[in-house]
Amino acid sequence: MSRTYDIVIFGVTGFSGTLMLRYYVDNPTEFQGLKIAVAGRNKAKVEAVVGKCKADKLVEVLVADVSNAESLAALAKSTKVLIACAGPFCLLGEPPLKACVEAGTHYVDITGEGGWIRNMVQQYDAKAKETGALVLSACGFDSVPADLLARFAVEQTDRQADERIALVTAVQLGMRADSSKGFGGVSHGTYQTMLHGLATGEGLSPLADHKVSDPRLSSSVQLDPALNAALFPFEFTSDAYLVRRTSALLDGESKQIEYFHGLNVGFRLVGYLMQIGFAIFAVLCRIPPLLAFLKGRMQVGDGASDEDRANARMRMSCAVRSFAGKSSTPTLRGVATMNIASDGYNVTAMTAMQCARLLSKRAAAKGKGGLMTPVAALGSDLRDACTQGGLLALSWEPQK
């Protein structure tokens, strides 16, 4: 089927959608030969963003609305790849995904809602395989960096046939290149998703997915000596779910890795206090007047300044251990590290656009689609695309 466009960015007026358009404008050689369009429900607002990004001569403007199935069907049929940027995805994400699956159009989104992704896999995977649509969720900071790091770590480890791999990833936030300046923040979409998830539980990763299955491995607040980090379990986003699903898709269920994902909070006491704080805040979010007040604190398009995002730095460190049988003690094999030279939103713009670029080169083939993970679908091509510009850098230190 002939398509007018190679890539359409749907929801370009939002914070992340605008950054994707800017990434395209700033990196023309990456997308040479590709025809790009942008879309939203309000043409005037979309055109204003295009003008602000100085992309008037680079993209075409389209109109579509998540509440209008016909407009989404037409949009999906017009392009090889659709990038969906509008969240919370548990409220707004299904219609564009469904339209792409039905049209045999490759799909990319930037959700971090693990529970929503799991639901979409259950509902649309069979149909996507039938139509040839490759559907890749969590193509932004949630969860490409964590999944790339985990896959890189696994690839550095020679395992025996009876060995299993356990990964513990520590995420270090709040770092900055210049200590006198800011270091990022959250966007309107992330903020609304967080509030909605805490208030309703929708979109968050199911509690059943938070636990490692082997009793020798901890799934609570813990101190990991290999990482020199006190870790607060942070699995409500899609990171842990995507890492585990990638392993299931590539390694098979019998060799699926064990995985723990946590924030480095410095001290275990801080982690326990954070658990209490999250529980209290979740209760407060269920009080309608307070929730309405909190939701009104940010507007569409709000987010960290260019300067603060550029000043942000992050690091993910992943301790790799192997174990066999039912009585062996997990043995440290090494530590993989990813240094991130910006904030999560700049990373999201880059990773989502690179996923879309790579997908645009793949023809939809009936029987070969499905709801995959970015790393399982795109493999080393995605790693190369995401590390060549220096925004993400991977390294490995084996255990001596």
Protein backbone atom coordinates (compact mmCIF):
# COMPACT_ATOMS: atom_id res chain seq x y z
CA MET A 1 0.00 0.00 0.00
CA SER A 2 1.36 3.40 -0.99
CA ARG A 3 1.71 5.93 1.84
CA THR A 4 1.98 9.71 1.53
CA TYR A 5 4.28 10.16 4.52
CA ASP A 6 7.12 8.24 6.11
CA ILE A 7 6.54 9.56 9.63
CA VAL A 8 3.72 11.52 11.27
CA ILE A 9 4.16 13.05 14.73
CA PHE A 10 0.70 13.03 16.32
CA GLY A 11 0.32 15.34 19.34
CA VAL A 12 3.04 17.76 18.30
CA THR A 13 1.66 20.63 20.40
CA GLY A 14 2.58 18.83 23.62
CA PHE A 15 5.95 19.28 25.31
CA SER A 16 7.52 16.04 24.03
CA GLY A 17 5.91 16.29 20.59
CA THR A 18 7.43 19.74 20.11
CA LEU A 19 10.86 18.45 21.13
CA MET A 20 10.57 15.68 18.54
CA LEU A 21 9.88 18.21 15.83
CA ARG A 22 12.86 20.25 16.98
CA TYR A 23 15.04 17.12 16.93
CA TYR A 24 14.03 16.53 13.32
CA VAL A 25 14.77 20.16 12.39
CA ASP A 26 18.17 20.04 14.12
CA ASN A 27 19.21 16.72 12.57
CA PRO A 28 18.22 16.92 8.88
CA THR A 29 20.78 14.41 7.61
CA GLU A 30 19.35 11.72 9.93
CA PHE A 31 16.02 11.95 8.12
CA GLN A 32 17.20 12.77 4.61
CA GLY A 33 14.77 11.49 2.01
CA LEU A 34 11.93 10.98 4.50
CA LYS A 35 8.67 12.89 4.24
CA ILE A 36 7.51 14.07 7.67
CA ALA A 37 4.15 15.47 8.77
CA VAL A 38 2.82 16.68 12.11
CA ALA A 39 -0.73 16.39 13.39
CA GLY A 40 -3.04 17.50 16.17
CA ARG A 41 -6.66 18.31 16.78
CA ASN A 42 -6.25 22.11 16.47
CA LYS A 43 -4.71 23.16 13.17
CA ALA A 44 -3.91 26.69 14.30
CA LYS A 45 -2.01 25.44 17.36
CA VAL A 46 -0.13 22.88 15.28
CA GLU A 47 0.86 25.57 12.77
CA ALA A 48 2.02 27.80 15.62
CA VAL A 49 4.36 25.06 16.88
CA VAL A 50 5.64 24.44 13.36
CA GLY A 51 6.38 28.15 12.97
CA LYS A 52 8.10 28.34 16.36
CA CYS A 53 10.32 25.41 15.38
CA LYS A 54 11.06 27.00 11.97
CA ALA A 55 9.75 23.89 10.24
CA ASP A 56 7.28 25.55 7.85
CA LYS A 57 9.09 24.25 4.77
CA LEU A 58 10.00 20.89 6.27
CA VAL A 59 6.69 19.34 7.36
CA GLU A 60 3.05 19.23 6.37
CA VAL A 61 0.27 19.92 8.87
CA LEU A 62 -2.56 17.42 9.35
CA VAL A 63 -5.61 17.39 11.62
CA ALA A 64 -6.83 14.41 13.65
CA ASP A 65 -8.52 13.90 17.02
CA VAL A 66 -8.43 10.90 19.37
CA SER A 67 -12.20 11.28 19.78
CA ASN A 68 -12.77 10.98 16.01
CA ALA A 69 -12.13 7.43 14.78
CA GLU A 70 -12.48 8.38 11.11
CA SER A 71 -9.80 11.05 11.37
CA LEU A 72 -7.43 8.60 13.08
CA ALA A 73 -8.07 5.92 10.46
CA ALA A 74 -7.27 8.39 7.68
CA LEU A 75 -4.15 9.55 9.51
CA ALA A 76 -2.91 5.98 10.04
CA LYS A 77 -3.48 5.07 6.40
CA SER A 78 -1.49 8.10 5.22
CA THR A 79 1.83 7.17 6.82
CA LYS A 80 4.31 4.34 7.24
CA VAL A 81 4.94 5.23 10.91
CA LEU A 82 2.84 7.13 13.43
CA ILE A 83 4.38 8.56 16.60
CA ALA A 84 1.76 9.08 19.33
CA CYS A 85 2.66 11.72 21.92
CA ALA A 86 -0.62 12.50 23.69
CA GLY A 87 -1.10 11.13 27.21
CA PRO A 88 -2.06 9.93 29.70
CA PHE A 89 -2.11 6.92 27.42
CA CYS A 90 -4.54 5.01 29.61
CA LEU A 91 -7.02 7.77 28.68
CA LEU A 92 -5.93 8.80 25.16
CA GLY A 93 -3.58 6.13 23.82
CA GLU A 94 -5.76 3.30 22.61
CA PRO A 95 -7.55 4.96 19.64
CA PRO A 96 -4.39 5.85 17.64
CA LEU A 97 -2.81 2.50 18.46
CA LYS A 98 -5.94 0.66 17.31
CA ALA A 99 -6.08 2.71 14.10
CA CYS A 100 -2.48 1.79 13.27
CA VAL A 101 -2.99 -1.90 13.99
CA GLU A 102 -6.05 -2.00 11.73
CA ALA A 103 -4.27 -0.08 8.93
CA GLY A 104 -1.06 -2.12 9.07
CA THR A 105 0.86 1.03 10.07
CA HIS A 106 3.94 0.90 12.27
CA TYR A 107 3.40 2.68 15.58
CA VAL A 108 5.66 4.39 18.16
CA ASP A 109 4.66 6.00 21.44
CA ILE A 110 6.34 7.54 24.47
CA THR A 111 4.19 6.18 27.27
CA GLY A 112 5.74 5.03 30.53
CA GLU A 113 2.55 3.32 31.68
CA GLY A 114 3.50 -0.33 32.04
CA GLY A 115 0.02 -1.51 32.94
CA TRP A 116 -1.46 0.13 29.87
CA ILE A 117 1.18 -1.45 27.61
CA ARG A 118 0.42 -4.87 29.07
CA ASN A 119 -3.29 -4.38 28.37
CA MET A 120 -2.61 -3.33 24.77
CA VAL A 121 -0.42 -6.41 24.20
CA GLN A 122 -3.25 -8.63 25.37
CA GLN A 123 -5.83 -6.87 23.18
CA TYR A 124 -3.97 -6.09 19.94
CA ASP A 125 -0.91 -8.33 19.53
CA ALA A 126 -2.72 -11.00 17.49
CA LYS A 127 -4.31 -8.43 15.16
CA ALA A 128 -1.01 -6.57 14.68
CA LYS A 129 0.72 -9.82 13.70
CA GLU A 130 -2.02 -10.36 11.16
CA THR A 131 -1.80 -6.87 9.58
CA GLY A 132 1.99 -6.57 9.79
CA ALA A 133 1.99 -3.49 12.03
CA LEU A 134 4.97 -3.27 14.37
CA VAL A 135 3.74 -1.56 17.52
CA LEU A 136 6.47 -0.21 19.81
CA SER A 137 5.44 1.41 23.08
CA ALA A 138 7.71 3.14 25.62
CA CYS A 139 10.11 4.48 22.97
CA GLY A 140 11.19 7.46 25.08
CA PHE A 141 13.24 7.83 28.27
CA ASP A 142 10.72 5.30 29.49
CA SER A 143 12.03 2.78 28.58
CA VAL A 144 14.68 2.72 25.83
CA PRO A 145 17.74 3.60 28.00
CA ALA A 146 16.97 1.00 30.69
CA ASP A 147 16.24 -1.68 28.11
CA LEU A 148 19.33 -0.88 26.01
CA LEU A 149 21.48 -1.01 29.15
CA ALA A 150 19.99 -4.32 30.31
CA ARG A 151 20.42 -5.95 26.89
CA PHE A 152 24.00 -4.60 26.65
CA ALA A 153 24.73 -6.05 30.10
CA VAL A 154 23.33 -9.46 29.18
CA GLU A 155 25.39 -9.51 25.96
CA GLN A 156 28.62 -8.96 27.93
CA THR A 157 27.96 -12.02 30.07
CA ASP A 158 28.85 -15.53 28.93
CA ARG A 159 26.34 -17.77 30.63
CA GLN A 160 26.27 -21.54 30.86
CA ALA A 161 23.25 -23.48 29.67
CA ASP A 162 21.90 -23.89 33.20
CA GLU A 163 22.70 -20.36 34.39
CA ARG A 164 20.23 -17.54 34.89
CA ILE A 165 21.03 -13.84 34.90
CA ALA A 166 19.92 -11.33 37.52
CA LEU A 167 20.23 -7.57 36.88
CA VAL A 168 19.95 -4.75 39.40
CA THR A 169 19.77 -1.29 37.83
CA ALA A 170 20.37 1.89 39.84
CA VAL A 171 19.14 5.15 38.32
CA GLN A 172 20.96 8.29 39.46
CA LEU A 173 18.90 11.44 38.86
CA GLY A 174 19.48 15.06 39.84
CA MET A 175 22.97 15.30 38.37
CA ARG A 176 24.03 18.42 36.47
CA ALA A 177 26.91 19.70 34.34
CA ASP A 178 26.87 23.10 36.07
CA SER A 179 25.92 22.99 39.76
CA SER A 180 24.80 26.64 39.69
CA LYS A 181 22.01 25.89 37.20
CA GLY A 182 18.86 23.81 37.17
CA PHE A 183 18.63 20.26 35.90
CA GLY A 184 15.25 19.69 34.32
CA GLY A 185 11.81 18.78 35.62
CA VAL A 186 8.59 17.14 34.49
CA SER A 187 6.30 18.01 31.61
CA HIS A 188 2.55 18.58 31.74
CA GLY A 189 1.91 15.12 30.24
CA THR A 190 4.14 13.32 32.74
CA TYR A 191 2.60 15.25 35.62
CA GLN A 192 -0.97 14.44 34.57
CA THR A 193 -0.10 10.78 34.02
CA MET A 194 1.47 10.55 37.46
CA LEU A 195 -1.53 12.15 39.18
CA HIS A 196 -4.03 10.02 37.30
CA GLY A 197 -2.07 6.85 38.04
CA LEU A 198 -1.80 7.56 41.75
CA ALA A 199 -5.47 8.52 41.98
CA THR A 200 -6.88 5.56 40.04
CA GLY A 201 -4.14 2.97 39.62
CA GLU A 202 -4.75 3.04 35.85
CA GLY A 203 -1.69 2.73 33.64
CA LEU A 204 0.71 1.81 36.43
CA SER A 205 2.57 -1.49 36.25
CA PRO A 206 0.55 -4.20 38.03
CA LEU A 207 1.86 -5.05 41.49
CA ALA A 208 2.26 -8.67 40.39
CA ASP A 209 4.98 -7.54 37.97
CA HIS A 210 7.06 -5.80 40.65
CA LYS A 211 8.48 -8.88 42.32
CA VAL A 212 11.49 -10.90 41.27
CA SER A 213 10.56 -14.57 41.32
CA ASP A 214 13.68 -16.06 42.90
CA PRO A 215 13.78 -15.92 46.73
CA ARG A 216 17.55 -15.26 46.67
CA LEU A 217 16.91 -11.86 45.12
CA SER A 218 15.40 -8.85 46.91
CA SER A 219 12.52 -6.78 45.52
CA SER A 220 12.33 -4.24 48.35
CA VAL A 221 14.47 -1.28 49.47
CA GLN A 222 18.01 -2.62 49.37
CA LEU A 223 21.70 -1.79 49.49
CA ASP A 224 23.67 -3.13 46.52
CA PRO A 225 27.40 -3.21 47.33
CA ALA A 226 28.42 -3.65 43.69
CA LEU A 227 26.72 -0.38 42.80
CA ASN A 228 27.44 1.34 46.13
CA ALA A 229 23.80 2.40 46.10
CA ALA A 230 20.77 2.33 48.35
CA LEU A 231 17.88 1.53 46.04
CA PHE A 232 14.23 2.48 46.24
CA PRO A 233 12.20 0.08 44.04
CA PHE A 234 10.78 2.13 41.21
CA GLU A 235 8.76 -0.16 39.01
CA PHE A 236 5.53 1.78 38.56
CA THR A 237 6.77 3.00 35.18
CA SER A 238 7.33 0.77 32.17
CA ASP A 239 11.09 0.24 32.57
CA ALA A 240 11.08 -3.07 34.46
CA TYR A 241 8.16 -4.44 32.46
CA LEU A 242 9.89 -3.64 29.14
CA VAL A 243 13.23 -5.12 30.24
CA ARG A 244 11.57 -8.35 31.32
CA ARG A 245 9.44 -8.54 28.18
CA THR A 246 12.44 -7.95 25.91
CA SER A 247 14.21 -10.81 27.67
CA ALA A 248 11.17 -13.07 27.25
CA LEU A 249 10.99 -12.23 23.54
CA LEU A 250 14.72 -12.64 22.83
CA ASP A 251 15.89 -15.19 25.41
CA GLY A 252 12.75 -17.27 25.79
CA GLU A 253 10.70 -17.81 28.93
CA SER A 254 13.11 -20.44 30.31
CA LYS A 255 16.07 -18.03 30.25
CA GLN A 256 14.23 -14.80 31.06
CA ILE A 257 16.34 -12.58 33.28
CA GLU A 258 15.48 -11.52 36.81
CA TYR A 259 15.34 -7.74 37.02
CA PHE A 260 15.17 -5.08 39.74
CA HIS A 261 14.90 -1.38 38.87
CA GLY A 262 15.51 1.25 41.52
CA LEU A 263 16.34 4.87 42.22
CA ASN A 264 19.63 5.52 44.01
CA VAL A 265 18.48 7.43 47.09
CA GLY A 266 21.76 7.38 49.03
CA PHE A 267 20.52 5.72 52.22
CA ARG A 268 18.06 2.93 52.89
CA LEU A 269 16.22 5.09 55.43
CA VAL A 270 15.44 7.55 52.62
CA GLY A 271 13.97 4.69 50.62
CA TYR A 272 11.68 3.62 53.46
CA LEU A 273 10.56 7.24 53.98
CA MET A 274 9.84 7.53 50.25
CA GLN A 275 7.65 4.43 50.40
CA ILE A 276 5.61 6.05 53.18
CA GLY A 277 5.49 9.36 51.31
CA PHE A 278 4.26 7.76 48.08
CA ALA A 279 1.54 5.90 49.97
CA ILE A 280 0.32 9.08 51.67
CA PHE A 281 0.41 11.09 48.44
CA ALA A 282 -1.54 8.38 46.61
CA VAL A 283 -4.28 8.62 49.27
CA LEU A 284 -4.37 12.41 48.97
CA CYS A 285 -4.69 12.15 45.18
CA ARG A 286 -7.97 10.30 45.68
CA ILE A 287 -9.57 13.36 47.25
CA PRO A 288 -11.38 14.98 44.26
CA PRO A 289 -10.96 18.69 45.21
CA LEU A 290 -7.26 18.22 45.96
CA LEU A 291 -6.73 16.23 42.76
CA ALA A 292 -8.44 18.94 40.69
CA PHE A 293 -6.23 21.58 42.32
CA LEU A 294 -3.06 19.59 41.61
CA LYS A 295 -4.04 18.93 37.98
CA GLY A 296 -4.46 22.65 37.39
CA ARG A 297 -0.91 23.47 38.44
CA MET A 298 0.54 22.77 34.95
CA GLN A 299 -0.72 23.55 31.45
CA VAL A 300 -0.29 21.76 28.12
CA GLY A 301 3.20 22.41 26.77
CA ASP A 302 4.71 23.20 30.19
CA GLY A 303 8.08 21.67 31.04
CA ALA A 304 11.69 22.38 31.91
CA SER A 305 13.57 25.15 30.07
CA ASP A 306 16.06 24.45 27.29
CA GLU A 307 18.93 25.50 29.56
CA ASP A 308 17.91 23.26 32.44
CA ARG A 309 17.37 20.26 30.18
CA ALA A 310 20.78 20.73 28.56
CA ASN A 311 22.41 21.00 31.99
CA ALA A 312 20.90 17.77 33.30
CA ARG A 313 22.95 14.60 33.60
CA MET A 314 21.89 11.08 34.59
CA ARG A 315 23.51 7.71 35.06
CA MET A 316 22.19 4.16 35.06
CA SER A 317 24.39 1.41 36.51
CA CYS A 318 23.48 -2.24 36.14
CA ALA A 319 25.02 -4.99 38.29
CA VAL A 320 25.03 -8.36 36.53
CA ARG A 321 24.93 -11.59 38.55
CA SER A 322 24.54 -15.19 37.47
CA PHE A 323 23.27 -18.20 39.37
CA ALA A 324 22.38 -21.81 38.71
CA GLY A 325 20.35 -24.45 40.48
CA LYS A 326 18.38 -23.85 43.65
CA SER A 327 21.19 -23.48 46.17
CA SER A 328 23.93 -21.45 44.50
CA THR A 329 24.68 -17.89 45.55
CA PRO A 330 24.40 -15.27 42.77
CA THR A 331 27.89 -14.38 41.52
CA LEU A 332 28.76 -10.85 40.40
CA ARG A 333 29.92 -10.84 36.77
CA GLY A 334 30.35 -7.12 36.20
CA VAL A 335 28.73 -3.69 36.07
CA ALA A 336 27.36 -2.04 32.92
CA THR A 337 26.92 1.74 32.92
CA MET A 338 25.00 4.19 30.77
CA ASN A 339 25.90 7.87 31.07
CA ILE A 340 23.17 10.22 29.83
CA ALA A 341 24.31 13.70 28.76
CA SER A 342 20.95 15.45 29.02
CA ASP A 343 17.51 15.16 30.64
CA GLY A 344 14.81 12.58 29.97
CA TYR A 345 12.81 14.73 27.55
CA ASN A 346 15.71 15.39 25.18
CA VAL A 347 16.41 11.65 25.34
CA THR A 348 12.74 10.93 24.55
CA ALA A 349 12.82 13.15 21.46
CA MET A 350 15.91 11.40 20.16
CA THR A 351 14.96 7.79 20.94
CA ALA A 352 11.38 8.09 19.66
CA MET A 353 12.45 9.74 16.41
CA GLN A 354 15.18 7.14 15.89
CA CYS A 355 12.70 4.32 16.47
CA ALA A 356 10.38 5.88 13.90
CA ARG A 357 13.22 6.42 11.42
CA LEU A 358 14.29 2.78 11.64
CA LEU A 359 10.71 1.54 11.35
CA SER A 360 10.08 3.70 8.28
CA LYS A 361 12.59 1.54 6.41
CA ARG A 362 10.65 -1.64 7.14
CA ALA A 363 7.69 -2.57 5.02
CA ALA A 364 4.72 -3.89 6.96
CA ALA A 365 4.55 -7.62 6.23
CA LYS A 366 1.46 -9.59 7.11
CA GLY A 367 2.22 -12.18 9.74
CA LYS A 368 5.39 -10.37 10.89
CA GLY A 369 3.98 -7.54 13.00
CA GLY A 370 2.99 -7.50 16.63
CA LEU A 371 3.34 -5.54 19.84
CA MET A 372 7.08 -5.73 20.50
CA THR A 373 9.55 -3.79 22.59
CA PRO A 374 11.84 -1.28 20.84
CA VAL A 375 14.99 -3.27 21.68
CA ALA A 376 13.49 -6.64 20.69
CA ALA A 377 12.26 -5.23 17.37
CA LEU A 378 15.18 -3.00 16.39
CA GLY A 379 18.15 -4.57 18.21
CA SER A 380 21.66 -3.28 17.57
CA ASP A 381 20.39 -0.79 14.98
CA LEU A 382 18.60 1.07 17.76
CA ARG A 383 21.61 0.94 20.06
CA ASP A 384 23.87 2.31 17.34
CA ALA A 385 21.40 5.08 16.45
CA CYS A 386 20.99 6.14 20.08
CA THR A 387 24.68 6.14 21.02
CA GLN A 388 26.27 7.66 17.91
CA GLY A 389 25.44 11.24 18.91
CA GLY A 390 26.92 10.97 22.41
CA LEU A 391 23.65 11.54 24.27
CA LEU A 392 23.84 7.96 25.59
CA ALA A 393 27.17 6.21 26.27
CA LEU A 394 27.59 2.56 27.33
CA SER A 395 30.52 0.95 29.15
CA TRP A 396 31.29 -2.38 30.82
CA GLU A 397 33.52 -3.20 33.80
CA PRO A 398 33.94 -6.94 34.37
CA GLN A 399 34.31 -8.35 37.88
CA LYS A 400 37.97 -9.03 38.60
